[in-house]
Amino acid sequence: MNAISKADLAALLLRVSLGIMFLAHGFILKYLTFTLAGTAQFFESIGLPAFLAYLTFAAETLGGIALILGFRTRLVALALLPVLLGATWVHIGNGWVFSAANGGWEYPIFLIVVSLAAALLGSGAYALDNVSGKVKAASQAARA
C-alpha cells in the first residue's frame, strides 16, 4: 500500500466515522429517541428558540449522510462547526468529562477537532466527490 492510498483510506475512515456520529446524534438521538418536539422543548428550556432544534436535526442528519458519502466533505465539516460550538456551550457547565451528569464538553470539542481534520484532509479518493469529477471528465472527453 503506497502513501497515497494510506492517506485516502485514512480520509475515508475519518469522514465515515464522523458522519456516523453526526447521523447518530441527529437522526437517532433527536428524532427517534427524544423526538423533534422533545428536542425543541429542550432547546427552549435552555433559552434557545425551538426552530434551532429542527435546524440542528437537519444539519446533523444531512451533514452526517454527506460525510459518509464523501459529498463536499470540506464544506460540510466546516458547516457543522456552529452545531458543535452550540453543543459545547450546552455542556460547558457540566464539566469536562463525559461521565459528568448530562455529559461533559470534551466530546463536542473532540468532534470540532475531528471536523477540522476532515476539512483539512478532504474527501479522499473513495468519495462521491471523486465520482462526480470522473463523470464530468468522461463526459467532456466524449464530447471532444
N, C-alpha and C. Protein backbone atom coordinates (compact mmCIF):
# COMPACT_ATOMS: atom_id res chain seq x y z
N MET A 1 0.85 -1.18 0.00
CA MET A 1 0.00 0.00 0.00
C MET A 1 0.89 1.24 0.00
N ASN A 2 0.72 2.13 -0.95
CA ASN A 2 1.58 3.31 -1.00
C ASN A 2 1.02 4.42 -0.11
N ALA A 3 1.78 5.50 0.05
CA ALA A 3 1.40 6.58 0.95
C ALA A 3 0.08 7.23 0.54
N ILE A 4 -0.15 7.35 -0.76
CA ILE A 4 -1.39 7.98 -1.22
C ILE A 4 -2.59 7.14 -0.84
N SER A 5 -2.53 5.85 -1.03
CA SER A 5 -3.69 5.01 -0.70
C SER A 5 -3.90 4.94 0.81
N LYS A 6 -2.83 5.04 1.61
CA LYS A 6 -2.99 5.08 3.06
C LYS A 6 -3.69 6.38 3.47
N ALA A 7 -3.32 7.48 2.85
CA ALA A 7 -3.96 8.76 3.14
C ALA A 7 -5.43 8.73 2.72
N ASP A 8 -5.71 8.12 1.57
CA ASP A 8 -7.10 8.01 1.12
C ASP A 8 -7.92 7.13 2.06
N LEU A 9 -7.33 6.05 2.54
CA LEU A 9 -8.01 5.18 3.50
C LEU A 9 -8.23 5.92 4.81
N ALA A 10 -7.25 6.70 5.25
CA ALA A 10 -7.40 7.49 6.47
C ALA A 10 -8.53 8.51 6.32
N ALA A 11 -8.60 9.18 5.17
CA ALA A 11 -9.67 10.15 4.93
C ALA A 11 -11.03 9.46 4.94
N LEU A 12 -11.11 8.28 4.34
CA LEU A 12 -12.35 7.51 4.33
C LEU A 12 -12.78 7.15 5.75
N LEU A 13 -11.87 6.60 6.54
CA LEU A 13 -12.20 6.22 7.91
C LEU A 13 -12.62 7.42 8.75
N LEU A 14 -11.91 8.52 8.59
CA LEU A 14 -12.21 9.72 9.36
C LEU A 14 -13.59 10.27 9.03
N ARG A 15 -13.86 10.47 7.74
CA ARG A 15 -15.13 11.10 7.39
C ARG A 15 -16.32 10.17 7.60
N VAL A 16 -16.17 8.86 7.37
CA VAL A 16 -17.28 7.93 7.59
C VAL A 16 -17.60 7.84 9.08
N SER A 17 -16.58 7.73 9.93
CA SER A 17 -16.84 7.65 11.37
C SER A 17 -17.44 8.95 11.89
N LEU A 18 -16.96 10.09 11.40
CA LEU A 18 -17.54 11.37 11.79
C LEU A 18 -18.98 11.48 11.30
N GLY A 19 -19.23 11.05 10.08
CA GLY A 19 -20.59 11.08 9.54
C GLY A 19 -21.54 10.21 10.34
N ILE A 20 -21.07 9.04 10.76
CA ILE A 20 -21.91 8.14 11.58
C ILE A 20 -22.25 8.81 12.90
N MET A 21 -21.29 9.51 13.50
CA MET A 21 -21.55 10.20 14.77
C MET A 21 -22.60 11.29 14.59
N PHE A 22 -22.47 12.07 13.52
CA PHE A 22 -23.47 13.11 13.28
C PHE A 22 -24.84 12.50 12.99
N LEU A 23 -24.87 11.45 12.21
CA LEU A 23 -26.14 10.78 11.90
C LEU A 23 -26.76 10.22 13.18
N ALA A 24 -25.95 9.64 14.04
CA ALA A 24 -26.45 9.09 15.30
C ALA A 24 -27.02 10.20 16.19
N HIS A 25 -26.33 11.32 16.27
CA HIS A 25 -26.81 12.41 17.12
C HIS A 25 -27.99 13.14 16.51
N GLY A 26 -28.03 13.23 15.20
CA GLY A 26 -29.15 13.92 14.55
C GLY A 26 -30.38 13.05 14.45
N PHE A 27 -30.27 11.95 13.75
CA PHE A 27 -31.44 11.12 13.48
C PHE A 27 -31.83 10.25 14.66
N ILE A 28 -30.89 9.47 15.18
CA ILE A 28 -31.24 8.53 16.24
C ILE A 28 -31.58 9.25 17.54
N LEU A 29 -30.73 10.19 17.96
CA LEU A 29 -30.95 10.85 19.24
C LEU A 29 -32.09 11.86 19.18
N LYS A 30 -32.03 12.78 18.24
CA LYS A 30 -33.01 13.87 18.21
C LYS A 30 -34.35 13.47 17.61
N TYR A 31 -34.36 12.55 16.67
CA TYR A 31 -35.61 12.16 16.01
C TYR A 31 -36.24 10.93 16.65
N LEU A 32 -35.47 9.86 16.77
CA LEU A 32 -36.03 8.61 17.28
C LEU A 32 -36.11 8.55 18.80
N THR A 33 -35.10 9.04 19.50
CA THR A 33 -35.08 8.92 20.95
C THR A 33 -35.87 10.03 21.63
N PHE A 34 -35.48 11.28 21.40
CA PHE A 34 -36.13 12.40 22.09
C PHE A 34 -37.32 12.96 21.33
N THR A 35 -37.45 12.66 20.06
CA THR A 35 -38.41 13.23 19.11
C THR A 35 -38.05 14.69 18.84
N LEU A 36 -38.48 15.17 17.70
CA LEU A 36 -38.18 16.56 17.35
C LEU A 36 -38.89 17.53 18.29
N ALA A 37 -40.13 17.19 18.67
CA ALA A 37 -40.85 18.06 19.61
C ALA A 37 -40.15 18.09 20.96
N GLY A 38 -39.68 16.95 21.42
CA GLY A 38 -38.95 16.89 22.69
C GLY A 38 -37.64 17.65 22.62
N THR A 39 -36.95 17.54 21.49
CA THR A 39 -35.70 18.27 21.30
C THR A 39 -35.97 19.77 21.28
N ALA A 40 -37.06 20.18 20.62
CA ALA A 40 -37.43 21.60 20.58
C ALA A 40 -37.74 22.10 21.99
N GLN A 41 -38.42 21.29 22.78
CA GLN A 41 -38.71 21.66 24.18
C GLN A 41 -37.42 21.84 24.96
N PHE A 42 -36.48 20.92 24.77
CA PHE A 42 -35.19 21.03 25.46
C PHE A 42 -34.48 22.31 25.05
N PHE A 43 -34.46 22.61 23.77
CA PHE A 43 -33.81 23.83 23.30
C PHE A 43 -34.44 25.05 23.98
N GLU A 44 -35.77 25.08 24.05
CA GLU A 44 -36.45 26.20 24.71
C GLU A 44 -36.10 26.26 26.19
N SER A 45 -35.96 25.10 26.84
CA SER A 45 -35.66 25.08 28.28
C SER A 45 -34.28 25.65 28.60
N ILE A 46 -33.39 25.66 27.63
CA ILE A 46 -32.06 26.24 27.86
C ILE A 46 -31.92 27.62 27.22
N GLY A 47 -33.06 28.18 26.80
CA GLY A 47 -33.06 29.54 26.30
C GLY A 47 -32.84 29.71 24.82
N LEU A 48 -32.88 28.63 24.07
CA LEU A 48 -32.71 28.71 22.61
C LEU A 48 -34.07 28.62 21.93
N PRO A 49 -34.23 29.26 20.78
CA PRO A 49 -35.50 29.15 20.06
C PRO A 49 -35.73 27.71 19.56
N ALA A 50 -36.98 27.28 19.61
CA ALA A 50 -37.33 25.91 19.23
C ALA A 50 -36.90 25.57 17.80
N PHE A 51 -36.99 26.54 16.89
CA PHE A 51 -36.66 26.24 15.49
C PHE A 51 -35.21 25.78 15.33
N LEU A 52 -34.33 26.17 16.25
CA LEU A 52 -32.93 25.72 16.17
C LEU A 52 -32.82 24.20 16.34
N ALA A 53 -33.77 23.61 17.06
CA ALA A 53 -33.75 22.15 17.21
C ALA A 53 -33.94 21.48 15.86
N TYR A 54 -34.84 22.02 15.06
CA TYR A 54 -35.10 21.45 13.73
C TYR A 54 -33.91 21.69 12.79
N LEU A 55 -33.31 22.87 12.88
CA LEU A 55 -32.12 23.15 12.07
C LEU A 55 -30.95 22.25 12.47
N THR A 56 -30.81 22.04 13.78
CA THR A 56 -29.74 21.17 14.27
C THR A 56 -29.95 19.74 13.80
N PHE A 57 -31.19 19.26 13.90
CA PHE A 57 -31.53 17.92 13.42
C PHE A 57 -31.19 17.79 11.94
N ALA A 58 -31.60 18.76 11.14
CA ALA A 58 -31.35 18.70 9.69
C ALA A 58 -29.85 18.76 9.39
N ALA A 59 -29.14 19.66 10.07
CA ALA A 59 -27.70 19.79 9.83
C ALA A 59 -26.96 18.51 10.19
N GLU A 60 -27.27 17.95 11.36
CA GLU A 60 -26.57 16.74 11.79
C GLU A 60 -26.92 15.54 10.90
N THR A 61 -28.19 15.39 10.56
CA THR A 61 -28.62 14.25 9.77
C THR A 61 -28.10 14.35 8.33
N LEU A 62 -28.38 15.46 7.68
CA LEU A 62 -27.93 15.62 6.29
C LEU A 62 -26.41 15.73 6.20
N GLY A 63 -25.82 16.43 7.16
CA GLY A 63 -24.36 16.53 7.19
C GLY A 63 -23.71 15.18 7.40
N GLY A 64 -24.29 14.37 8.27
CA GLY A 64 -23.77 13.02 8.50
C GLY A 64 -23.82 12.17 7.25
N ILE A 65 -24.94 12.23 6.55
CA ILE A 65 -25.08 11.47 5.30
C ILE A 65 -24.06 11.96 4.27
N ALA A 66 -23.92 13.28 4.14
CA ALA A 66 -22.96 13.84 3.18
C ALA A 66 -21.53 13.40 3.50
N LEU A 67 -21.17 13.40 4.78
CA LEU A 67 -19.83 12.97 5.16
C LEU A 67 -19.61 11.49 4.85
N ILE A 68 -20.59 10.67 5.16
CA ILE A 68 -20.47 9.23 4.89
C ILE A 68 -20.25 9.00 3.39
N LEU A 69 -20.98 9.72 2.57
CA LEU A 69 -20.87 9.55 1.12
C LEU A 69 -19.65 10.25 0.53
N GLY A 70 -19.06 11.17 1.28
CA GLY A 70 -17.94 11.93 0.75
C GLY A 70 -18.39 13.02 -0.20
N PHE A 71 -19.50 13.65 0.12
CA PHE A 71 -20.05 14.73 -0.71
C PHE A 71 -19.72 16.07 -0.07
N ARG A 72 -18.88 16.85 -0.74
CA ARG A 72 -18.49 18.18 -0.25
C ARG A 72 -17.97 18.13 1.19
N THR A 73 -17.08 17.20 1.45
CA THR A 73 -16.59 16.94 2.81
C THR A 73 -16.06 18.19 3.49
N ARG A 74 -15.22 18.93 2.80
CA ARG A 74 -14.62 20.12 3.43
C ARG A 74 -15.68 21.12 3.84
N LEU A 75 -16.59 21.42 2.94
CA LEU A 75 -17.65 22.39 3.21
C LEU A 75 -18.57 21.90 4.32
N VAL A 76 -18.98 20.65 4.26
CA VAL A 76 -19.90 20.09 5.27
C VAL A 76 -19.24 20.07 6.65
N ALA A 77 -17.99 19.65 6.72
CA ALA A 77 -17.29 19.60 8.01
C ALA A 77 -17.21 20.99 8.64
N LEU A 78 -16.96 21.99 7.83
CA LEU A 78 -16.91 23.37 8.34
C LEU A 78 -18.30 23.88 8.69
N ALA A 79 -19.30 23.53 7.89
CA ALA A 79 -20.67 23.99 8.15
C ALA A 79 -21.23 23.41 9.44
N LEU A 80 -20.73 22.27 9.88
CA LEU A 80 -21.21 21.65 11.11
C LEU A 80 -20.55 22.23 12.37
N LEU A 81 -19.53 23.05 12.21
CA LEU A 81 -18.84 23.63 13.37
C LEU A 81 -19.76 24.46 14.27
N PRO A 82 -20.67 25.29 13.73
CA PRO A 82 -21.57 26.02 14.63
C PRO A 82 -22.45 25.09 15.49
N VAL A 83 -22.86 23.96 14.94
CA VAL A 83 -23.63 22.99 15.71
C VAL A 83 -22.79 22.47 16.87
N LEU A 84 -21.53 22.16 16.59
CA LEU A 84 -20.64 21.64 17.63
C LEU A 84 -20.30 22.70 18.66
N LEU A 85 -20.15 23.93 18.23
CA LEU A 85 -19.93 25.02 19.20
C LEU A 85 -21.14 25.19 20.10
N GLY A 86 -22.34 25.05 19.52
CA GLY A 86 -23.56 25.09 20.32
C GLY A 86 -23.63 23.94 21.32
N ALA A 87 -23.25 22.75 20.89
CA ALA A 87 -23.23 21.59 21.79
C ALA A 87 -22.22 21.79 22.91
N THR A 88 -21.09 22.39 22.59
CA THR A 88 -20.09 22.69 23.62
C THR A 88 -20.66 23.66 24.63
N TRP A 89 -21.34 24.69 24.15
CA TRP A 89 -21.97 25.68 25.02
C TRP A 89 -22.99 25.01 25.95
N VAL A 90 -23.79 24.09 25.41
CA VAL A 90 -24.80 23.40 26.21
C VAL A 90 -24.15 22.59 27.34
N HIS A 91 -23.02 21.96 27.05
CA HIS A 91 -22.40 21.05 28.01
C HIS A 91 -21.30 21.69 28.86
N ILE A 92 -20.94 22.92 28.60
CA ILE A 92 -19.79 23.54 29.27
C ILE A 92 -19.97 23.58 30.79
N GLY A 93 -21.18 23.80 31.26
CA GLY A 93 -21.44 23.87 32.70
C GLY A 93 -21.40 22.52 33.40
N ASN A 94 -21.38 21.44 32.63
CA ASN A 94 -21.39 20.10 33.22
C ASN A 94 -20.00 19.61 33.59
N GLY A 95 -18.99 20.35 33.19
CA GLY A 95 -17.62 19.90 33.42
C GLY A 95 -17.07 19.23 32.18
N TRP A 96 -15.82 18.82 32.26
CA TRP A 96 -15.11 18.31 31.10
C TRP A 96 -15.47 16.88 30.76
N VAL A 97 -15.60 16.01 31.72
CA VAL A 97 -15.66 14.57 31.50
C VAL A 97 -17.05 14.11 31.04
N PHE A 98 -17.05 13.13 30.12
CA PHE A 98 -18.32 12.59 29.60
C PHE A 98 -19.16 11.95 30.69
N SER A 99 -18.54 11.49 31.78
CA SER A 99 -19.29 10.82 32.84
C SER A 99 -19.99 11.79 33.78
N ALA A 100 -19.79 13.09 33.59
CA ALA A 100 -20.50 14.10 34.39
C ALA A 100 -21.99 14.02 34.07
N ALA A 101 -22.80 14.42 35.02
CA ALA A 101 -24.26 14.43 34.79
C ALA A 101 -24.55 15.27 33.54
N ASN A 102 -25.34 14.74 32.63
CA ASN A 102 -25.71 15.37 31.37
C ASN A 102 -24.55 15.52 30.39
N GLY A 103 -23.46 14.83 30.63
CA GLY A 103 -22.34 14.82 29.69
C GLY A 103 -21.45 16.04 29.79
N GLY A 104 -20.19 15.84 29.57
CA GLY A 104 -19.22 16.94 29.61
C GLY A 104 -19.00 17.54 28.23
N TRP A 105 -18.09 18.50 28.18
CA TRP A 105 -17.85 19.21 26.92
C TRP A 105 -16.69 18.65 26.12
N GLU A 106 -16.03 17.59 26.62
CA GLU A 106 -14.89 17.06 25.88
C GLU A 106 -15.30 16.43 24.56
N TYR A 107 -16.48 15.81 24.50
CA TYR A 107 -16.89 15.15 23.27
C TYR A 107 -17.18 16.14 22.14
N PRO A 108 -17.97 17.20 22.38
CA PRO A 108 -18.14 18.16 21.29
C PRO A 108 -16.84 18.84 20.86
N ILE A 109 -15.94 19.08 21.81
CA ILE A 109 -14.64 19.66 21.45
C ILE A 109 -13.85 18.68 20.59
N PHE A 110 -13.89 17.40 20.96
CA PHE A 110 -13.21 16.38 20.15
C PHE A 110 -13.78 16.34 18.74
N LEU A 111 -15.11 16.42 18.61
CA LEU A 111 -15.73 16.42 17.29
C LEU A 111 -15.37 17.68 16.49
N ILE A 112 -15.15 18.80 17.17
CA ILE A 112 -14.67 20.00 16.49
C ILE A 112 -13.30 19.73 15.87
N VAL A 113 -12.42 19.13 16.66
CA VAL A 113 -11.07 18.82 16.16
C VAL A 113 -11.14 17.84 14.99
N VAL A 114 -11.98 16.81 15.10
CA VAL A 114 -12.11 15.83 14.02
C VAL A 114 -12.72 16.49 12.77
N SER A 115 -13.69 17.37 12.97
CA SER A 115 -14.28 18.08 11.83
C SER A 115 -13.26 18.97 11.13
N LEU A 116 -12.43 19.64 11.92
CA LEU A 116 -11.37 20.46 11.33
C LEU A 116 -10.38 19.58 10.56
N ALA A 117 -10.05 18.42 11.11
CA ALA A 117 -9.15 17.50 10.41
C ALA A 117 -9.78 17.03 9.10
N ALA A 118 -11.07 16.72 9.12
CA ALA A 118 -11.77 16.29 7.90
C ALA A 118 -11.80 17.43 6.88
N ALA A 119 -11.99 18.66 7.35
CA ALA A 119 -12.00 19.80 6.44
C ALA A 119 -10.62 20.00 5.80
N LEU A 120 -9.58 19.80 6.57
CA LEU A 120 -8.22 19.95 6.03
C LEU A 120 -7.84 18.81 5.10
N LEU A 121 -8.26 17.60 5.46
CA LEU A 121 -7.89 16.40 4.69
C LEU A 121 -8.72 16.25 3.42
N GLY A 122 -9.99 16.64 3.49
CA GLY A 122 -10.87 16.48 2.34
C GLY A 122 -11.47 15.09 2.26
N SER A 123 -12.12 14.82 1.16
CA SER A 123 -12.87 13.57 0.98
C SER A 123 -12.00 12.34 0.80
N GLY A 124 -10.84 12.50 0.20
CA GLY A 124 -10.03 11.35 -0.16
C GLY A 124 -10.53 10.75 -1.47
N ALA A 125 -9.88 9.68 -1.90
CA ALA A 125 -10.18 9.08 -3.21
C ALA A 125 -11.51 8.34 -3.23
N TYR A 126 -11.90 7.78 -2.08
CA TYR A 126 -13.09 6.94 -2.03
C TYR A 126 -14.29 7.77 -1.59
N ALA A 127 -14.75 8.64 -2.47
CA ALA A 127 -15.79 9.59 -2.12
C ALA A 127 -16.65 9.94 -3.33
N LEU A 128 -17.87 10.32 -3.05
CA LEU A 128 -18.79 10.74 -4.10
C LEU A 128 -18.24 11.94 -4.87
N ASP A 129 -17.53 12.81 -4.19
CA ASP A 129 -16.93 13.96 -4.87
C ASP A 129 -16.08 13.53 -6.05
N ASN A 130 -15.36 12.45 -5.92
CA ASN A 130 -14.49 11.98 -6.99
C ASN A 130 -15.26 11.30 -8.11
N VAL A 131 -16.37 10.68 -7.79
CA VAL A 131 -17.19 10.04 -8.82
C VAL A 131 -17.76 11.11 -9.74
N SER A 132 -18.28 12.19 -9.16
CA SER A 132 -18.85 13.25 -10.00
C SER A 132 -17.78 13.90 -10.86
N GLY A 133 -16.56 14.04 -10.36
CA GLY A 133 -15.46 14.59 -11.15
C GLY A 133 -15.10 13.68 -12.30
N LYS A 134 -15.10 12.37 -12.07
CA LYS A 134 -14.78 11.41 -13.13
C LYS A 134 -15.87 11.38 -14.19
N VAL A 135 -17.12 11.52 -13.76
CA VAL A 135 -18.23 11.55 -14.71
C VAL A 135 -18.11 12.79 -15.60
N LYS A 136 -17.78 13.94 -15.00
CA LYS A 136 -17.60 15.17 -15.79
C LYS A 136 -16.45 15.01 -16.78
N ALA A 137 -15.34 14.45 -16.32
CA ALA A 137 -14.17 14.27 -17.19
C ALA A 137 -14.50 13.33 -18.34
N ALA A 138 -15.21 12.24 -18.06
CA ALA A 138 -15.58 11.28 -19.10
C ALA A 138 -16.54 11.93 -20.10
N SER A 139 -17.46 12.74 -19.59
CA SER A 139 -18.42 13.41 -20.46
C SER A 139 -17.72 14.43 -21.36
N GLN A 140 -16.75 15.17 -20.81
CA GLN A 140 -16.01 16.13 -21.61
C GLN A 140 -15.13 15.43 -22.64
N ALA A 141 -14.55 14.30 -22.27
CA ALA A 141 -13.71 13.53 -23.20
C ALA A 141 -14.55 12.98 -24.34
N ALA A 142 -15.78 12.57 -24.04
CA ALA A 142 -16.66 12.02 -25.07
C ALA A 142 -17.08 13.10 -26.07
N ARG A 143 -17.21 14.34 -25.60
CA ARG A 143 -17.60 15.45 -26.48
C ARG A 143 -16.46 15.91 -27.36
N ALA A 144 -15.24 15.68 -26.92
CA ALA A 144 -14.06 16.18 -27.67
C ALA A 144 -13.78 15.38 -28.92
